[in-house]
Protein backbone atom coordinates (compact mmCIF):
# COMPACT_ATOMS: atom_id res chain seq x y z
CA MET A 1 29.24 48.54 39.75
CA THR A 2 28.11 46.56 36.74
CA THR A 3 24.61 44.97 36.74
CA VAL A 4 23.99 41.72 34.64
CA GLU A 5 20.85 41.23 33.03
CA THR A 6 19.33 37.89 32.64
CA ARG A 7 16.79 36.69 30.63
CA PRO A 8 14.15 33.99 32.18
CA THR A 9 14.82 30.47 30.96
CA ASP A 10 12.27 28.13 29.72
CA THR A 11 13.20 25.11 32.30
CA SER A 12 9.66 23.38 31.21
CA ILE A 13 10.00 19.89 31.48
CA GLY A 14 8.08 17.27 29.97
CA VAL A 15 5.98 19.21 27.54
CA ALA A 16 5.81 17.02 24.14
CA PRO A 17 6.87 18.41 20.88
CA PRO A 18 3.81 18.97 18.35
CA LEU A 19 1.63 16.21 16.65
CA ALA A 20 3.27 16.61 13.36
CA VAL A 21 6.95 16.51 14.22
CA ARG A 22 6.08 13.21 16.57
CA LEU A 23 4.37 11.66 13.25
CA ALA A 24 7.09 13.36 10.99
CA ASN A 25 9.60 11.66 13.41
CA VAL A 26 8.02 8.04 12.67
CA VAL A 27 8.17 8.80 9.50
CA ARG A 28 11.71 9.58 9.38
CA LEU A 29 12.32 6.18 11.22
CA HIS A 30 11.01 4.28 8.44
CA LEU A 31 12.65 5.61 5.78
CA ALA A 32 15.60 5.56 8.16
CA ASN A 33 16.58 2.60 5.51
CA PRO A 34 14.97 3.47 1.87
CA TRP A 35 15.57 0.37 0.42
CA THR A 36 12.60 -1.55 1.44
CA PRO A 37 9.59 1.08 0.72
CA ILE A 38 11.23 2.80 -1.69
CA ILE A 39 14.36 1.74 -3.83
CA ILE A 40 14.12 -2.25 -3.68
CA PRO A 41 9.84 -1.98 -4.88
CA THR A 42 11.33 0.42 -8.18
CA LEU A 43 14.54 -1.59 -8.87
CA ILE A 44 12.18 -4.63 -9.38
CA LEU A 45 9.18 -3.13 -11.08
CA ALA A 46 12.02 -1.18 -13.51
CA VAL A 47 13.24 -4.89 -13.98
CA ILE A 48 9.99 -6.24 -14.33
CA PHE A 49 8.91 -3.98 -17.13
CA LEU A 50 12.07 -3.73 -18.83
CA ALA A 51 12.34 -7.71 -19.27
CA ASN A 52 8.71 -7.69 -20.54
CA LEU A 53 9.65 -5.01 -22.86
CA ALA A 54 12.41 -6.86 -24.46
CA ILE A 55 10.51 -9.95 -24.63
CA TRP A 56 7.46 -7.82 -26.63
CA ASN A 57 10.57 -6.75 -28.88
CA LEU A 58 11.48 -9.99 -29.41
CA ILE A 59 7.93 -11.81 -30.32
CA ALA A 60 7.28 -8.50 -32.29
CA TYR A 61 10.75 -9.57 -34.29
CA ASN A 62 10.17 -13.07 -35.05
CA THR A 63 7.25 -13.16 -35.86
CA GLY A 64 6.27 -9.99 -37.61
CA ASN A 65 3.83 -9.02 -35.42
CA GLU A 66 3.76 -5.26 -34.15
CA ASP A 67 0.35 -5.59 -32.70
CA LEU A 68 0.13 -7.06 -28.86
CA SER A 69 -3.11 -5.37 -28.12
CA ASN A 70 -4.34 -8.92 -27.31
CA VAL A 71 -1.01 -9.15 -24.58
CA ASN A 72 -1.90 -8.04 -21.08
CA ASN A 73 0.65 -8.39 -18.91
CA GLY A 74 -0.28 -8.20 -15.25
CA GLY A 75 3.16 -7.32 -13.88
CA ILE A 76 1.59 -3.94 -12.22
CA ALA A 77 0.14 -6.19 -9.71
CA PHE A 78 3.34 -6.53 -8.04
CA VAL A 79 3.64 -3.44 -6.41
CA ALA A 80 0.63 -4.14 -4.47
CA ILE A 81 1.57 -7.11 -3.35
CA TYR A 82 4.71 -5.98 -2.33
CA MET A 83 3.36 -3.04 -0.85
CA LEU A 84 1.24 -5.48 1.36
CA VAL A 85 5.08 -7.18 2.20
CA VAL A 86 6.35 -3.43 3.18
CA ALA A 87 3.93 -2.65 5.37
CA THR A 88 3.84 -5.44 7.60
CA GLN A 89 8.03 -5.14 7.43
CA THR A 90 7.94 -1.93 8.54
CA MET A 91 5.44 -2.52 11.20
CA ASN A 92 6.89 -5.92 12.45
CA SER A 93 10.52 -4.75 12.51
CA THR A 94 10.44 -0.73 13.81
CA PHE A 95 8.18 -1.10 16.12
CA PRO A 96 10.01 -2.23 19.01
CA PHE A 97 12.81 0.81 18.15
CA ALA A 98 9.93 3.04 18.37
CA LEU A 99 8.78 2.10 21.71
CA GLY A 100 12.47 2.30 23.15
CA TYR A 101 13.02 5.67 21.56
CA GLY A 102 9.94 6.88 23.81
CA VAL A 103 7.67 6.77 20.59
CA THR A 104 3.73 5.70 21.63
CA ARG A 105 1.88 3.43 20.08
CA ARG A 106 -0.72 6.29 18.88
CA ASP A 107 2.11 7.91 17.37
CA PHE A 108 3.57 4.88 16.02
CA TYR A 109 0.46 3.71 14.17
CA LEU A 110 -0.30 7.10 13.00
CA GLY A 111 2.94 7.83 11.75
CA SER A 112 3.17 4.73 9.79
CA SER A 113 0.01 5.34 8.45
CA ALA A 114 0.79 8.81 7.40
CA LEU A 115 3.63 7.01 5.63
CA PHE A 116 1.59 4.52 3.68
CA LEU A 117 -0.63 7.20 2.50
CA MET A 118 2.27 9.07 0.88
CA LEU A 119 3.75 6.03 -0.43
CA SER A 120 0.76 5.18 -1.97
CA ALA A 121 0.19 8.44 -3.34
CA GLY A 122 3.69 8.69 -4.29
CA TYR A 123 4.04 5.34 -6.54
CA ALA A 124 0.34 6.21 -7.57
CA ALA A 125 1.72 8.80 -9.29
CA GLY A 126 4.65 7.46 -10.74
CA ILE A 127 2.79 4.76 -12.39
CA THR A 128 -0.17 7.03 -13.49
CA VAL A 129 2.96 9.04 -15.36
CA PHE A 130 4.15 6.11 -17.08
CA ALA A 131 0.48 4.48 -17.48
CA LEU A 132 0.06 8.10 -19.99
CA ILE A 133 3.45 7.71 -21.23
CA GLU A 134 2.37 4.27 -22.43
CA ARG A 135 -1.04 5.44 -23.94
CA ALA A 136 0.66 8.46 -25.53
CA THR A 137 3.01 5.61 -27.37
CA SER A 138 0.42 3.20 -28.69
CA GLY A 139 1.89 0.52 -26.00
CA TRP A 140 5.87 0.95 -26.73
CA GLY A 141 4.84 1.53 -30.22
CA LEU A 142 3.38 -2.21 -30.12
CA ASN A 143 -0.02 -2.27 -28.51
CA ALA A 144 1.67 -3.28 -25.08
CA SER A 145 0.05 -2.68 -22.38
CA PHE A 146 1.90 -2.73 -18.65
CA PHE A 147 1.05 0.28 -16.86
CA ALA A 148 -2.23 0.82 -18.23
CA PRO A 149 -3.77 -2.86 -18.49
CA ILE A 150 -6.76 -3.09 -20.90
CA TYR A 151 -9.02 -3.94 -18.30
CA LEU A 152 -8.39 -0.35 -16.83
CA GLY A 153 -10.22 1.25 -19.90
CA ASP A 154 -9.96 4.47 -21.28
CA LEU A 155 -8.98 6.60 -17.95
CA ASN A 156 -7.86 9.93 -17.83
CA ALA A 157 -4.57 10.85 -15.46
CA ALA A 158 -7.12 11.85 -12.37
CA GLU A 159 -8.89 8.11 -12.23
CA PHE A 160 -5.61 6.09 -13.23
CA PHE A 161 -4.10 7.94 -9.83
CA TRP A 162 -7.19 7.42 -8.02
CA VAL A 163 -7.58 3.30 -9.21
CA TYR A 164 -3.82 3.00 -8.16
CA PHE A 165 -4.07 4.96 -4.86
CA THR A 166 -6.96 3.41 -3.32
CA LEU A 167 -5.29 -0.59 -4.74
CA LEU A 168 -2.26 0.65 -2.76
CA VAL A 169 -3.64 2.03 0.07
CA PHE A 170 -5.93 -1.20 0.60
CA PHE A 171 -2.43 -3.58 0.74
CA PHE A 172 -1.16 -1.44 2.58
CA PHE A 173 -3.33 -1.16 5.34
CA LEU A 174 -3.79 -4.58 5.08
CA GLY A 175 -0.19 -5.15 5.65
CA ALA A 176 -0.34 -3.28 8.64
CA ALA A 177 -3.05 -5.43 10.18
CA THR A 178 -1.60 -8.11 9.59
CA ALA A 179 1.64 -7.29 11.55
CA ALA A 180 -0.05 -5.86 14.25
CA VAL A 181 -1.53 -9.67 14.68
CA TYR A 182 1.87 -11.08 14.59
CA VAL A 183 3.70 -8.36 17.07
CA ARG A 184 0.68 -9.00 18.98
CA TRP A 185 0.40 -12.99 18.78
CA ARG A 186 3.32 -13.86 17.16
CA THR A 187 2.87 -17.46 15.07
CA THR A 188 -0.28 -18.69 17.07
CA GLY A 189 -1.91 -15.07 16.20
CA MET A 190 -0.98 -15.57 12.60
CA LEU A 191 -2.36 -19.34 12.40
CA VAL A 192 -5.71 -18.02 13.96
CA PHE A 193 -5.40 -15.10 12.00
CA PHE A 194 -5.74 -17.09 8.24
CA GLY A 195 -7.68 -19.76 9.46
CA GLY A 196 -10.19 -17.53 10.20
CA LEU A 197 -9.62 -15.20 7.15
CA LEU A 198 -9.90 -18.51 5.47
CA ALA A 199 -13.45 -19.27 7.26
CA ILE A 200 -14.66 -16.40 6.63
CA ILE A 201 -13.93 -16.75 3.01
CA ILE A 202 -15.81 -20.45 2.92
CA ALA A 203 -18.82 -18.96 4.82
CA SER A 204 -19.18 -15.70 2.34
CA ILE A 205 -19.04 -18.51 -0.82
CA TRP A 206 -21.48 -20.79 0.88
CA LEU A 207 -23.84 -17.78 1.93
CA LEU A 208 -23.97 -15.97 -1.31
CA SER A 209 -24.81 -19.59 -2.71
CA ILE A 210 -27.47 -20.99 -0.82
CA THR A 211 -28.95 -17.46 -1.27
CA ASP A 212 -28.60 -17.28 -4.93
CA SER A 213 -26.89 -14.15 -4.20
CA PHE A 214 -23.73 -13.95 -6.52
CA GLY A 215 -25.75 -11.80 -9.02
CA ALA A 216 -26.59 -9.09 -6.93
CA VAL A 217 -22.94 -9.05 -5.58
CA GLY A 218 -22.03 -8.70 -9.74
CA GLN A 219 -24.69 -6.21 -10.14
CA PHE A 220 -23.80 -3.92 -7.39
CA PHE A 221 -20.12 -3.92 -8.83
CA VAL A 222 -21.10 -3.90 -12.26
CA SER A 223 -23.21 -0.10 -11.15
CA ALA A 224 -20.28 1.21 -9.19
CA GLY A 225 -17.99 1.05 -12.09
CA LEU A 226 -14.25 0.74 -11.52
CA LEU A 227 -14.06 3.73 -9.84
CA GLY A 228 -16.65 3.74 -7.94
CA SER A 229 -15.65 -0.14 -6.26
CA HIS A 230 -12.08 1.27 -6.20
CA SER A 231 -14.07 3.99 -3.77
CA TRP A 232 -15.82 1.59 -1.84
CA SER A 233 -12.38 -0.74 -1.54
CA LEU A 234 -11.34 2.78 1.07
CA ALA A 235 -14.03 1.88 3.92
CA VAL A 236 -12.15 -1.67 3.93
CA SER A 237 -9.00 -0.08 4.08
CA ALA A 238 -9.97 2.22 7.06
CA LEU A 239 -11.95 -0.73 8.57
CA MET A 240 -8.41 -2.85 8.50
CA ALA A 241 -6.59 0.29 9.76
CA ILE A 242 -9.22 0.61 12.85
CA ALA A 243 -8.43 -3.07 13.34
CA GLY A 244 -4.71 -2.82 13.28
CA TYR A 245 -4.66 0.20 15.62
CA ALA A 246 -6.39 -1.80 18.16
CA LEU A 247 -4.33 -4.59 18.06
CA LEU A 248 -0.99 -2.93 18.29
CA ARG A 249 -2.06 -0.80 21.46
CA ARG A 250 -2.13 -3.73 23.29
CA ALA A 251 0.99 -5.27 21.77
CA THR A 252 3.93 -6.03 23.46
CA PRO A 253 7.72 -5.99 21.53
CA ARG A 254 9.28 -9.28 21.79
CA ASN A 255 12.24 -11.04 19.83
């Protein structure tokens, strides 16, 4: 008589994977099409930089002036603005699919936030590398500035990274909060949101005017300095992240 040894099998049902796995799945869902968050902004930034480099060389060739230190290019601001668009698009387009795959709103928002932080760090690191190259080559041989604008001063690598990282985090979560408003209330919500935002800006300017507080606000930023001001922006980014989650957790995806 032959006996067959049987091993117990895991028949557990409904056991959720670890949080890290769930968040990684959300990140992979966002990156299923890498063109929007990675490839397109990188290509556009490269085109903007190369176009500016060509223009700088044309100016230097035709004027005989190889010192363009008075030319302060703001092309790098494109990345920050585009990240707001990326956050808005990814949150709005991926949210219904994620819920369809059984992803909870909490995991979706945490996974999206993790992606935003990773993208902020990645772009900040890339820009920092080119900023250091720009400084090392004396502004590409023309004292021009693109990745290291003059108003940033003489920052080291870590400071460059921190400035760009905090800036990108701010715009990512501004986009996430804006997308959460649209997902929950659609066009009506967007009109109310931007109308309310405009009212808050106007009211703030009016309040600062009647209390003669512009000097105090300016002094605060002067005292904080560039790095301190960017560090304070993380508090605003955190508030926007919390607001975005509060809105999205009650949102119902609609076409």
